[in-house]
Amino acid sequence: KERFEIDKETFEIKIEMFIAVKERFKKDMESFEIAYEMF
């Protein structure tokens, strides 16, 4: 049960980290497209 709670918290943190990295990836991709068009 303790391990389950720890893994559950780790899993929630990994999900939030995954969502943050995904959002940053989208923003960088949009910035890359804008810079490429401007170039």
PDB file of all heavy atoms in Angstrom:
ATOM      1  N   LYS A   1       0.826  -1.202   0.000  1.00  0.00           N
ATOM      2  CA  LYS A   1       0.000   0.000   0.000  1.00  0.00           C
ATOM      3  C   LYS A   1       0.866   1.260   0.000  1.00  0.00           C
ATOM      4  O   LYS A   1       0.605   2.214  -0.744  1.00  0.00           O
ATOM      5  CB  LYS A   1      -0.913  -0.009   1.226  1.00  0.00           C
ATOM      6  CG  LYS A   1      -1.953   1.111   1.200  1.00  0.00           C
ATOM      7  CD  LYS A   1      -2.900   1.001   2.367  1.00  0.00           C
ATOM      8  CE  LYS A   1      -3.944   2.106   2.318  1.00  0.00           C
ATOM      9  NZ  LYS A   1      -4.853   2.051   3.470  1.00  0.00           N
ATOM     10  N   GLU A   2       1.944   1.238   0.853  1.00  0.00           N
ATOM     11  CA  GLU A   2       2.869   2.381   0.880  1.00  0.00           C
ATOM     12  C   GLU A   2       3.545   2.570  -0.479  1.00  0.00           C
ATOM     13  O   GLU A   2       3.654   3.685  -0.984  1.00  0.00           O
ATOM     14  CB  GLU A   2       3.933   2.170   1.968  1.00  0.00           C
ATOM     15  CG  GLU A   2       3.385   2.276   3.374  1.00  0.00           C
ATOM     16  CD  GLU A   2       4.451   1.953   4.410  1.00  0.00           C
ATOM     17  OE1 GLU A   2       5.593   1.665   4.002  1.00  0.00           O
ATOM     18  OE2 GLU A   2       4.142   2.004   5.619  1.00  0.00           O
ATOM     19  N   ARG A   3       3.994   1.412  -1.041  1.00  0.00           N
ATOM     20  CA  ARG A   3       4.643   1.497  -2.367  1.00  0.00           C
ATOM     21  C   ARG A   3       3.660   1.978  -3.434  1.00  0.00           C
ATOM     22  O   ARG A   3       4.004   2.742  -4.337  1.00  0.00           O
ATOM     23  CB  ARG A   3       5.193   0.128  -2.742  1.00  0.00           C
ATOM     24  CG  ARG A   3       6.036   0.144  -4.011  1.00  0.00           C
ATOM     25  CD  ARG A   3       6.592  -1.211  -4.286  1.00  0.00           C
ATOM     26  NE  ARG A   3       7.216  -1.242  -5.602  1.00  0.00           N
ATOM     27  CZ  ARG A   3       7.680  -2.325  -6.191  1.00  0.00           C
ATOM     28  NH1 ARG A   3       7.601  -3.491  -5.562  1.00  0.00           N
ATOM     29  NH2 ARG A   3       8.241  -2.269  -7.380  1.00  0.00           N
ATOM     30  N   PHE A   4       2.419   1.538  -3.292  1.00  0.00           N
ATOM     31  CA  PHE A   4       1.374   1.962  -4.228  1.00  0.00           C
ATOM     32  C   PHE A   4       1.140   3.476  -4.150  1.00  0.00           C
ATOM     33  O   PHE A   4       1.011   4.161  -5.179  1.00  0.00           O
ATOM     34  CB  PHE A   4       0.088   1.197  -3.925  1.00  0.00           C
ATOM     35  CG  PHE A   4      -1.099   1.673  -4.740  1.00  0.00           C
ATOM     36  CD1 PHE A   4      -1.196   1.354  -6.090  1.00  0.00           C
ATOM     37  CD2 PHE A   4      -2.089   2.456  -4.161  1.00  0.00           C
ATOM     38  CE1 PHE A   4      -2.271   1.798  -6.826  1.00  0.00           C
ATOM     39  CE2 PHE A   4      -3.159   2.903  -4.902  1.00  0.00           C
ATOM     40  CZ  PHE A   4      -3.258   2.566  -6.244  1.00  0.00           C
ATOM     41  N   GLU A   5       1.122   4.006  -2.896  1.00  0.00           N
ATOM     42  CA  GLU A   5       0.927   5.451  -2.731  1.00  0.00           C
ATOM     43  C   GLU A   5       2.111   6.235  -3.311  1.00  0.00           C
ATOM     44  O   GLU A   5       1.931   7.263  -3.979  1.00  0.00           O
ATOM     45  CB  GLU A   5       0.770   5.789  -1.232  1.00  0.00           C
ATOM     46  CG  GLU A   5      -0.488   5.227  -0.582  1.00  0.00           C
ATOM     47  CD  GLU A   5      -1.751   5.846  -1.164  1.00  0.00           C
ATOM     48  OE1 GLU A   5      -1.690   7.012  -1.600  1.00  0.00           O
ATOM     49  OE2 GLU A   5      -2.799   5.167  -1.179  1.00  0.00           O
ATOM     50  N   ILE A   6       3.356   5.723  -3.063  1.00  0.00           N
ATOM     51  CA  ILE A   6       4.552   6.398  -3.604  1.00  0.00           C
ATOM     52  C   ILE A   6       4.539   6.381  -5.128  1.00  0.00           C
ATOM     53  O   ILE A   6       4.773   7.397  -5.790  1.00  0.00           O
ATOM     54  CB  ILE A   6       5.837   5.731  -3.071  1.00  0.00           C
ATOM     55  CG1 ILE A   6       5.964   5.961  -1.560  1.00  0.00           C
ATOM     56  CG2 ILE A   6       7.073   6.280  -3.802  1.00  0.00           C
ATOM     57  CD1 ILE A   6       7.004   5.103  -0.889  1.00  0.00           C
ATOM     58  N   ASP A   7       4.248   5.184  -5.704  1.00  0.00           N
ATOM     59  CA  ASP A   7       4.201   5.068  -7.171  1.00  0.00           C
ATOM     60  C   ASP A   7       3.074   5.912  -7.760  1.00  0.00           C
ATOM     61  O   ASP A   7       3.198   6.456  -8.856  1.00  0.00           O
ATOM     62  CB  ASP A   7       4.027   3.608  -7.592  1.00  0.00           C
ATOM     63  CG  ASP A   7       5.285   2.788  -7.364  1.00  0.00           C
ATOM     64  OD1 ASP A   7       6.361   3.415  -7.287  1.00  0.00           O
ATOM     65  OD2 ASP A   7       5.199   1.550  -7.270  1.00  0.00           O
ATOM     66  N   LYS A   8       1.973   6.033  -6.989  1.00  0.00           N
ATOM     67  CA  LYS A   8       0.857   6.851  -7.466  1.00  0.00           C
ATOM     68  C   LYS A   8       1.258   8.328  -7.543  1.00  0.00           C
ATOM     69  O   LYS A   8       0.991   9.019  -8.522  1.00  0.00           O
ATOM     70  CB  LYS A   8      -0.338   6.688  -6.534  1.00  0.00           C
ATOM     71  CG  LYS A   8      -1.610   7.360  -7.058  1.00  0.00           C
ATOM     72  CD  LYS A   8      -2.778   7.085  -6.130  1.00  0.00           C
ATOM     73  CE  LYS A   8      -4.049   7.780  -6.643  1.00  0.00           C
ATOM     74  NZ  LYS A   8      -5.182   7.583  -5.730  1.00  0.00           N
ATOM     75  N   GLU A   9       1.977   8.812  -6.465  1.00  0.00           N
ATOM     76  CA  GLU A   9       2.466  10.193  -6.472  1.00  0.00           C
ATOM     77  C   GLU A   9       3.483  10.420  -7.580  1.00  0.00           C
ATOM     78  O   GLU A   9       3.448  11.422  -8.300  1.00  0.00           O
ATOM     79  CB  GLU A   9       3.098  10.528  -5.114  1.00  0.00           C
ATOM     80  CG  GLU A   9       2.086  10.595  -3.977  1.00  0.00           C
ATOM     81  CD  GLU A   9       2.763  10.813  -2.630  1.00  0.00           C
ATOM     82  OE1 GLU A   9       4.009  10.905  -2.615  1.00  0.00           O
ATOM     83  OE2 GLU A   9       2.054  10.901  -1.609  1.00  0.00           O
ATOM     84  N   THR A  10       4.422   9.417  -7.724  1.00  0.00           N
ATOM     85  CA  THR A  10       5.422   9.513  -8.804  1.00  0.00           C
ATOM     86  C   THR A  10       4.748   9.533 -10.171  1.00  0.00           C
ATOM     87  O   THR A  10       5.130  10.289 -11.069  1.00  0.00           O
ATOM     88  CB  THR A  10       6.401   8.322  -8.733  1.00  0.00           C
ATOM     89  OG1 THR A  10       6.975   8.288  -7.438  1.00  0.00           O
ATOM     90  CG2 THR A  10       7.501   8.470  -9.782  1.00  0.00           C
ATOM     91  N   PHE A  11       3.729   8.702 -10.305  1.00  0.00           N
ATOM     92  CA  PHE A  11       2.989   8.643 -11.575  1.00  0.00           C
ATOM     93  C   PHE A  11       2.298   9.978 -11.882  1.00  0.00           C
ATOM     94  O   PHE A  11       2.330  10.465 -13.018  1.00  0.00           O
ATOM     95  CB  PHE A  11       1.966   7.512 -11.486  1.00  0.00           C
ATOM     96  CG  PHE A  11       1.130   7.349 -12.722  1.00  0.00           C
ATOM     97  CD1 PHE A  11       1.693   6.833 -13.887  1.00  0.00           C
ATOM     98  CD2 PHE A  11      -0.215   7.715 -12.743  1.00  0.00           C
ATOM     99  CE1 PHE A  11       0.927   6.693 -15.036  1.00  0.00           C
ATOM    100  CE2 PHE A  11      -0.969   7.569 -13.878  1.00  0.00           C
ATOM    101  CZ  PHE A  11      -0.399   7.054 -15.022  1.00  0.00           C
ATOM    102  N   GLU A  12       1.717  10.604 -10.822  1.00  0.00           N
ATOM    103  CA  GLU A  12       1.066  11.909 -11.022  1.00  0.00           C
ATOM    104  C   GLU A  12       2.089  12.979 -11.411  1.00  0.00           C
ATOM    105  O   GLU A  12       1.861  13.800 -12.299  1.00  0.00           O
ATOM    106  CB  GLU A  12       0.344  12.337  -9.731  1.00  0.00           C
ATOM    107  CG  GLU A  12      -0.822  11.447  -9.342  1.00  0.00           C
ATOM    108  CD  GLU A  12      -1.966  11.546 -10.338  1.00  0.00           C
ATOM    109  OE1 GLU A  12      -2.101  12.603 -10.983  1.00  0.00           O
ATOM    110  OE2 GLU A  12      -2.730  10.565 -10.477  1.00  0.00           O
ATOM    111  N   ILE A  13       3.279  12.942 -10.733  1.00  0.00           N
ATOM    112  CA  ILE A  13       4.341  13.908 -11.057  1.00  0.00           C
ATOM    113  C   ILE A  13       4.824  13.708 -12.484  1.00  0.00           C
ATOM    114  O   ILE A  13       5.041  14.668 -13.228  1.00  0.00           O
ATOM    115  CB  ILE A  13       5.523  13.759 -10.063  1.00  0.00           C
ATOM    116  CG1 ILE A  13       5.079  14.186  -8.651  1.00  0.00           C
ATOM    117  CG2 ILE A  13       6.724  14.595 -10.507  1.00  0.00           C
ATOM    118  CD1 ILE A  13       6.040  13.787  -7.557  1.00  0.00           C
ATOM    119  N   LYS A  14       5.012  12.424 -12.874  1.00  0.00           N
ATOM    120  CA  LYS A  14       5.472  12.144 -14.246  1.00  0.00           C
ATOM    121  C   LYS A  14       4.434  12.622 -15.277  1.00  0.00           C
ATOM    122  O   LYS A  14       4.800  13.098 -16.355  1.00  0.00           O
ATOM    123  CB  LYS A  14       5.718  10.643 -14.406  1.00  0.00           C
ATOM    124  CG  LYS A  14       6.849  10.105 -13.547  1.00  0.00           C
ATOM    125  CD  LYS A  14       8.176  10.635 -13.981  1.00  0.00           C
ATOM    126  CE  LYS A  14       9.299  10.163 -13.087  1.00  0.00           C
ATOM    127  NZ  LYS A  14       9.388   8.705 -12.961  1.00  0.00           N
ATOM    128  N   ILE A  15       3.139  12.442 -14.953  1.00  0.00           N
ATOM    129  CA  ILE A  15       2.088  12.909 -15.881  1.00  0.00           C
ATOM    130  C   ILE A  15       2.168  14.430 -16.039  1.00  0.00           C
ATOM    131  O   ILE A  15       2.127  14.962 -17.154  1.00  0.00           O
ATOM    132  CB  ILE A  15       0.689  12.484 -15.383  1.00  0.00           C
ATOM    133  CG1 ILE A  15       0.502  10.975 -15.586  1.00  0.00           C
ATOM    134  CG2 ILE A  15      -0.403  13.246 -16.120  1.00  0.00           C
ATOM    135  CD1 ILE A  15      -0.801  10.444 -15.056  1.00  0.00           C
ATOM    136  N   GLU A  16       2.297  15.151 -14.873  1.00  0.00           N
ATOM    137  CA  GLU A  16       2.409  16.615 -14.950  1.00  0.00           C
ATOM    138  C   GLU A  16       3.651  17.049 -15.711  1.00  0.00           C
ATOM    139  O   GLU A  16       3.616  17.979 -16.522  1.00  0.00           O
ATOM    140  CB  GLU A  16       2.438  17.198 -13.529  1.00  0.00           C
ATOM    141  CG  GLU A  16       1.121  17.039 -12.779  1.00  0.00           C
ATOM    142  CD  GLU A  16       1.209  17.555 -11.359  1.00  0.00           C
ATOM    143  OE1 GLU A  16       2.302  18.030 -10.972  1.00  0.00           O
ATOM    144  OE2 GLU A  16       0.188  17.503 -10.634  1.00  0.00           O
ATOM    145  N   MET A  17       4.771  16.333 -15.475  1.00  0.00           N
ATOM    146  CA  MET A  17       6.024  16.652 -16.194  1.00  0.00           C
ATOM    147  C   MET A  17       5.865  16.380 -17.683  1.00  0.00           C
ATOM    148  O   MET A  17       6.321  17.149 -18.522  1.00  0.00           O
ATOM    149  CB  MET A  17       7.154  15.807 -15.609  1.00  0.00           C
ATOM    150  CG  MET A  17       8.531  16.154 -16.152  1.00  0.00           C
ATOM    151  SD  MET A  17       9.816  15.175 -15.337  1.00  0.00           S
ATOM    152  CE  MET A  17      11.236  15.763 -16.277  1.00  0.00           C
ATOM    153  N   PHE A  18       5.189  15.278 -17.994  1.00  0.00           N
ATOM    154  CA  PHE A  18       4.941  14.917 -19.394  1.00  0.00           C
ATOM    155  C   PHE A  18       4.084  15.979 -20.090  1.00  0.00           C
ATOM    156  O   PHE A  18       4.369  16.394 -21.211  1.00  0.00           O
ATOM    157  CB  PHE A  18       4.249  13.556 -19.440  1.00  0.00           C
ATOM    158  CG  PHE A  18       3.795  13.144 -20.816  1.00  0.00           C
ATOM    159  CD1 PHE A  18       4.719  12.729 -21.768  1.00  0.00           C
ATOM    160  CD2 PHE A  18       2.452  13.194 -21.170  1.00  0.00           C
ATOM    161  CE1 PHE A  18       4.308  12.365 -23.033  1.00  0.00           C
ATOM    162  CE2 PHE A  18       2.040  12.820 -22.423  1.00  0.00           C
ATOM    163  CZ  PHE A  18       2.967  12.409 -23.370  1.00  0.00           C
ATOM    164  N   ILE A  19       3.043  16.468 -19.378  1.00  0.00           N
ATOM    165  CA  ILE A  19       2.164  17.504 -19.955  1.00  0.00           C
ATOM    166  C   ILE A  19       2.937  18.804 -20.155  1.00  0.00           C
ATOM    167  O   ILE A  19       2.827  19.466 -21.191  1.00  0.00           O
ATOM    168  CB  ILE A  19       0.940  17.737 -19.040  1.00  0.00           C
ATOM    169  CG1 ILE A  19       0.046  16.485 -19.033  1.00  0.00           C
ATOM    170  CG2 ILE A  19       0.143  18.952 -19.488  1.00  0.00           C
ATOM    171  CD1 ILE A  19      -1.043  16.495 -17.987  1.00  0.00           C
ATOM    172  N   ALA A  20       3.800  19.176 -19.123  1.00  0.00           N
ATOM    173  CA  ALA A  20       4.590  20.411 -19.244  1.00  0.00           C
ATOM    174  C   ALA A  20       5.567  20.339 -20.413  1.00  0.00           C
ATOM    175  O   ALA A  20       5.712  21.288 -21.186  1.00  0.00           O
ATOM    176  CB  ALA A  20       5.355  20.655 -17.937  1.00  0.00           C
ATOM    177  N   VAL A  21       6.245  19.175 -20.529  1.00  0.00           N
ATOM    178  CA  VAL A  21       7.206  19.013 -21.639  1.00  0.00           C
ATOM    179  C   VAL A  21       6.475  19.024 -22.975  1.00  0.00           C
ATOM    180  O   VAL A  21       6.952  19.586 -23.958  1.00  0.00           O
ATOM    181  CB  VAL A  21       8.008  17.707 -21.462  1.00  0.00           C
ATOM    182  CG1 VAL A  21       8.838  17.415 -22.698  1.00  0.00           C
ATOM    183  CG2 VAL A  21       8.909  17.812 -20.245  1.00  0.00           C
ATOM    184  N   LYS A  22       5.279  18.419 -22.996  1.00  0.00           N
ATOM    185  CA  LYS A  22       4.489  18.407 -24.233  1.00  0.00           C
ATOM    186  C   LYS A  22       4.089  19.824 -24.641  1.00  0.00           C
ATOM    187  O   LYS A  22       4.152  20.200 -25.818  1.00  0.00           O
ATOM    188  CB  LYS A  22       3.257  17.540 -24.038  1.00  0.00           C
ATOM    189  CG  LYS A  22       2.510  17.228 -25.328  1.00  0.00           C
ATOM    190  CD  LYS A  22       1.363  16.264 -25.082  1.00  0.00           C
ATOM    191  CE  LYS A  22       0.637  15.959 -26.380  1.00  0.00           C
ATOM    192  NZ  LYS A  22      -0.511  15.039 -26.149  1.00  0.00           N
ATOM    193  N   GLU A  23       3.674  20.658 -23.628  1.00  0.00           N
ATOM    194  CA  GLU A  23       3.303  22.049 -23.918  1.00  0.00           C
ATOM    195  C   GLU A  23       4.517  22.848 -24.414  1.00  0.00           C
ATOM    196  O   GLU A  23       4.429  23.619 -25.375  1.00  0.00           O
ATOM    197  CB  GLU A  23       2.757  22.718 -22.645  1.00  0.00           C
ATOM    198  CG  GLU A  23       1.377  22.236 -22.236  1.00  0.00           C
ATOM    199  CD  GLU A  23       0.326  22.633 -23.243  1.00  0.00           C
ATOM    200  OE1 GLU A  23       0.433  23.734 -23.806  1.00  0.00           O
ATOM    201  OE2 GLU A  23      -0.585  21.821 -23.498  1.00  0.00           O
ATOM    202  N   ARG A  24       5.669  22.631 -23.748  1.00  0.00           N
ATOM    203  CA  ARG A  24       6.879  23.331 -24.175  1.00  0.00           C
ATOM    204  C   ARG A  24       7.288  22.909 -25.588  1.00  0.00           C
ATOM    205  O   ARG A  24       7.749  23.724 -26.381  1.00  0.00           O
ATOM    206  CB  ARG A  24       8.007  23.025 -23.185  1.00  0.00           C
ATOM    207  CG  ARG A  24       9.272  23.830 -23.455  1.00  0.00           C
ATOM    208  CD  ARG A  24      10.333  23.530 -22.434  1.00  0.00           C
ATOM    209  NE  ARG A  24      11.597  24.155 -22.799  1.00  0.00           N
ATOM    210  CZ  ARG A  24      12.731  23.936 -22.168  1.00  0.00           C
ATOM    211  NH1 ARG A  24      12.776  23.144 -21.115  1.00  0.00           N
ATOM    212  NH2 ARG A  24      13.851  24.525 -22.572  1.00  0.00           N
ATOM    213  N   PHE A  25       7.110  21.619 -25.850  1.00  0.00           N
ATOM    214  CA  PHE A  25       7.412  21.100 -27.194  1.00  0.00           C
ATOM    215  C   PHE A  25       6.520  21.766 -28.250  1.00  0.00           C
ATOM    216  O   PHE A  25       6.983  22.164 -29.320  1.00  0.00           O
ATOM    217  CB  PHE A  25       7.204  19.583 -27.184  1.00  0.00           C
ATOM    218  CG  PHE A  25       7.357  18.940 -28.535  1.00  0.00           C
ATOM    219  CD1 PHE A  25       8.627  18.774 -29.091  1.00  0.00           C
ATOM    220  CD2 PHE A  25       6.256  18.514 -29.251  1.00  0.00           C
ATOM    221  CE1 PHE A  25       8.767  18.187 -30.329  1.00  0.00           C
ATOM    222  CE2 PHE A  25       6.399  17.927 -30.484  1.00  0.00           C
ATOM    223  CZ  PHE A  25       7.660  17.756 -31.028  1.00  0.00           C
ATOM    224  N   LYS A  26       5.223  21.940 -27.924  1.00  0.00           N
ATOM    225  CA  LYS A  26       4.302  22.609 -28.870  1.00  0.00           C
ATOM    226  C   LYS A  26       4.701  24.061 -29.092  1.00  0.00           C
ATOM    227  O   LYS A  26       4.719  24.551 -30.231  1.00  0.00           O
ATOM    228  CB  LYS A  26       2.874  22.545 -28.329  1.00  0.00           C
ATOM    229  CG  LYS A  26       2.243  21.166 -28.423  1.00  0.00           C
ATOM    230  CD  LYS A  26       0.808  21.195 -27.902  1.00  0.00           C
ATOM    231  CE  LYS A  26       0.146  19.830 -27.982  1.00  0.00           C
ATOM    232  NZ  LYS A  26      -1.236  19.856 -27.457  1.00  0.00           N
ATOM    233  N   LYS A  27       5.051  24.776 -27.944  1.00  0.00           N
ATOM    234  CA  LYS A  27       5.437  26.190 -28.088  1.00  0.00           C
ATOM    235  C   LYS A  27       6.711  26.343 -28.912  1.00  0.00           C
ATOM    236  O   LYS A  27       6.808  27.211 -29.772  1.00  0.00           O
ATOM    237  CB  LYS A  27       5.639  26.804 -26.702  1.00  0.00           C
ATOM    238  CG  LYS A  27       4.346  26.985 -25.921  1.00  0.00           C
ATOM    239  CD  LYS A  27       4.609  27.568 -24.547  1.00  0.00           C
ATOM    240  CE  LYS A  27       3.316  27.738 -23.748  1.00  0.00           C
ATOM    241  NZ  LYS A  27       3.564  28.259 -22.406  1.00  0.00           N
ATOM    242  N   ASP A  28       7.702  25.472 -28.610  1.00  0.00           N
ATOM    243  CA  ASP A  28       8.953  25.536 -29.379  1.00  0.00           C
ATOM    244  C   ASP A  28       8.725  25.199 -30.843  1.00  0.00           C
ATOM    245  O   ASP A  28       9.371  25.762 -31.727  1.00  0.00           O
ATOM    246  CB  ASP A  28       9.993  24.579 -28.784  1.00  0.00           C
ATOM    247  CG  ASP A  28      10.569  25.097 -27.474  1.00  0.00           C
ATOM    248  OD1 ASP A  28      10.517  26.333 -27.275  1.00  0.00           O
ATOM    249  OD2 ASP A  28      11.061  24.305 -26.667  1.00  0.00           O
ATOM    250  N   MET A  29       7.798  24.281 -31.103  1.00  0.00           N
ATOM    251  CA  MET A  29       7.491  23.923 -32.494  1.00  0.00           C
ATOM    252  C   MET A  29       6.840  25.105 -33.212  1.00  0.00           C
ATOM    253  O   MET A  29       7.164  25.410 -34.368  1.00  0.00           O
ATOM    254  CB  MET A  29       6.561  22.707 -32.513  1.00  0.00           C
ATOM    255  CG  MET A  29       6.423  22.048 -33.869  1.00  0.00           C
ATOM    256  SD  MET A  29       5.571  20.472 -33.760  1.00  0.00           S
ATOM    257  CE  MET A  29       5.568  20.035 -35.500  1.00  0.00           C
ATOM    258  N   GLU A  30       5.913  25.822 -32.498  1.00  0.00           N
ATOM    259  CA  GLU A  30       5.281  27.007 -33.093  1.00  0.00           C
ATOM    260  C   GLU A  30       6.307  28.107 -33.336  1.00  0.00           C
ATOM    261  O   GLU A  30       6.315  28.762 -34.382  1.00  0.00           O
ATOM    262  CB  GLU A  30       4.171  27.515 -32.159  1.00  0.00           C
ATOM    263  CG  GLU A  30       2.968  26.589 -32.091  1.00  0.00           C
ATOM    264  CD  GLU A  30       1.955  27.053 -31.059  1.00  0.00           C
ATOM    265  OE1 GLU A  30       2.214  28.085 -30.395  1.00  0.00           O
ATOM    266  OE2 GLU A  30       0.901  26.394 -30.916  1.00  0.00           O
ATOM    267  N   SER A  31       7.227  28.316 -32.333  1.00  0.00           N
ATOM    268  CA  SER A  31       8.288  29.310 -32.500  1.00  0.00           C
ATOM    269  C   SER A  31       9.200  28.951 -33.659  1.00  0.00           C
ATOM    270  O   SER A  31       9.627  29.810 -34.420  1.00  0.00           O
ATOM    271  CB  SER A  31       9.092  29.400 -31.198  1.00  0.00           C
ATOM    272  OG  SER A  31      10.162  30.302 -31.344  1.00  0.00           O
ATOM    273  N   PHE A  32       9.479  27.664 -33.777  1.00  0.00           N
ATOM    274  CA  PHE A  32      10.324  27.196 -34.887  1.00  0.00           C
ATOM    275  C   PHE A  32       9.660  27.459 -36.231  1.00  0.00           C
ATOM    276  O   PHE A  32      10.296  27.921 -37.180  1.00  0.00           O
ATOM    277  CB  PHE A  32      10.589  25.699 -34.697  1.00  0.00           C
ATOM    278  CG  PHE A  32      11.309  25.060 -35.847  1.00  0.00           C
ATOM    279  CD1 PHE A  32      12.671  25.254 -36.018  1.00  0.00           C
ATOM    280  CD2 PHE A  32      10.623  24.274 -36.757  1.00  0.00           C
ATOM    281  CE1 PHE A  32      13.328  24.666 -37.072  1.00  0.00           C
ATOM    282  CE2 PHE A  32      11.283  23.693 -37.806  1.00  0.00           C
ATOM    283  CZ  PHE A  32      12.636  23.888 -37.969  1.00  0.00           C
ATOM    284  N   GLU A  33       8.343  27.213 -36.330  1.00  0.00           N
ATOM    285  CA  GLU A  33       7.612  27.454 -37.584  1.00  0.00           C
ATOM    286  C   GLU A  33       7.603  28.943 -37.927  1.00  0.00           C
ATOM    287  O   GLU A  33       7.812  29.330 -39.079  1.00  0.00           O
ATOM    288  CB  GLU A  33       6.161  26.935 -37.458  1.00  0.00           C
ATOM    289  CG  GLU A  33       6.031  25.425 -37.321  1.00  0.00           C
ATOM    290  CD  GLU A  33       6.435  24.714 -38.603  1.00  0.00           C
ATOM    291  OE1 GLU A  33       6.309  25.319 -39.686  1.00  0.00           O
ATOM    292  OE2 GLU A  33       6.891  23.560 -38.520  1.00  0.00           O
ATOM    293  N   ILE A  34       7.362  29.810 -36.900  1.00  0.00           N
ATOM    294  CA  ILE A  34       7.337  31.263 -37.140  1.00  0.00           C
ATOM    295  C   ILE A  34       8.707  31.754 -37.596  1.00  0.00           C
ATOM    296  O   ILE A  34       8.832  32.524 -38.547  1.00  0.00           O
ATOM    297  CB  ILE A  34       6.902  32.002 -35.851  1.00  0.00           C
ATOM    298  CG1 ILE A  34       5.435  31.672 -35.519  1.00  0.00           C
ATOM    299  CG2 ILE A  34       7.076  33.516 -36.005  1.00  0.00           C
ATOM    300  CD1 ILE A  34       5.019  32.060 -34.121  1.00  0.00           C
ATOM    301  N   ALA A  35       9.782  31.276 -36.898  1.00  0.00           N
ATOM    302  CA  ALA A  35      11.140  31.688 -37.281  1.00  0.00           C
ATOM    303  C   ALA A  35      11.498  31.195 -38.673  1.00  0.00           C
ATOM    304  O   ALA A  35      12.167  31.893 -39.441  1.00  0.00           O
ATOM    305  CB  ALA A  35      12.146  31.154 -36.259  1.00  0.00           C
ATOM    306  N   TYR A  36      10.991  29.985 -39.008  1.00  0.00           N
ATOM    307  CA  TYR A  36      11.281  29.430 -40.337  1.00  0.00           C
ATOM    308  C   TYR A  36      10.584  30.243 -41.428  1.00  0.00           C
ATOM    309  O   TYR A  36      11.172  30.544 -42.468  1.00  0.00           O
ATOM    310  CB  TYR A  36      10.817  27.971 -40.370  1.00  0.00           C
ATOM    311  CG  TYR A  36      11.113  27.257 -41.658  1.00  0.00           C
ATOM    312  CD1 TYR A  36      12.440  27.000 -42.043  1.00  0.00           C
ATOM    313  CD2 TYR A  36      10.090  26.840 -42.500  1.00  0.00           C
ATOM    314  CE1 TYR A  36      12.711  26.345 -43.227  1.00  0.00           C
ATOM    315  CE2 TYR A  36      10.364  26.188 -43.693  1.00  0.00           C
ATOM    316  CZ  TYR A  36      11.678  25.940 -44.047  1.00  0.00           C
ATOM    317  OH  TYR A  36      11.946  25.303 -45.219  1.00  0.00           O
ATOM    318  N   GLU A  37       9.314  30.643 -41.172  1.00  0.00           N
ATOM    319  CA  GLU A  37       8.577  31.470 -42.136  1.00  0.00           C
ATOM    320  C   GLU A  37       9.240  32.842 -42.284  1.00  0.00           C
ATOM    321  O   GLU A  37       9.384  33.369 -43.394  1.00  0.00           O
ATOM    322  CB  GLU A  37       7.116  31.642 -41.673  1.00  0.00           C
ATOM    323  CG  GLU A  37       6.276  30.373 -41.729  1.00  0.00           C
ATOM    324  CD  GLU A  37       6.086  29.882 -43.157  1.00  0.00           C
ATOM    325  OE1 GLU A  37       6.000  30.729 -44.075  1.00  0.00           O
ATOM    326  OE2 GLU A  37       6.036  28.661 -43.361  1.00  0.00           O
ATOM    327  N   MET A  38       9.649  33.434 -41.155  1.00  0.00           N
ATOM    328  CA  MET A  38      10.328  34.732 -41.191  1.00  0.00           C
ATOM    329  C   MET A  38      11.649  34.614 -41.934  1.00  0.00           C
ATOM    330  O   MET A  38      12.027  35.506 -42.708  1.00  0.00           O
ATOM    331  CB  MET A  38      10.572  35.198 -39.754  1.00  0.00           C
ATOM    332  CG  MET A  38      11.069  36.631 -39.660  1.00  0.00           C
ATOM    333  SD  MET A  38      11.182  37.152 -37.944  1.00  0.00           S
ATOM    334  CE  MET A  38      11.846  38.803 -38.178  1.00  0.00           C
ATOM    335  N   PHE A  39      12.358  33.497 -41.712  1.00  0.00           N
ATOM    336  CA  PHE A  39      13.624  33.252 -42.408  1.00  0.00           C
ATOM    337  C   PHE A  39      13.404  33.177 -43.912  1.00  0.00           C
ATOM    338  O   PHE A  39      14.152  33.765 -44.691  1.00  0.00           O
ATOM    339  CB  PHE A  39      14.230  31.939 -41.876  1.00  0.00           C
ATOM    340  CG  PHE A  39      15.413  31.460 -42.656  1.00  0.00           C
ATOM    341  CD1 PHE A  39      16.650  32.063 -42.523  1.00  0.00           C
ATOM    342  CD2 PHE A  39      15.297  30.389 -43.533  1.00  0.00           C
ATOM    343  CE1 PHE A  39      17.735  31.612 -43.234  1.00  0.00           C
ATOM    344  CE2 PHE A  39      16.383  29.941 -44.254  1.00  0.00           C
ATOM    345  CZ  PHE A  39      17.595  30.552 -44.099  1.00  0.00           C
TER     346      PHE A  39
END
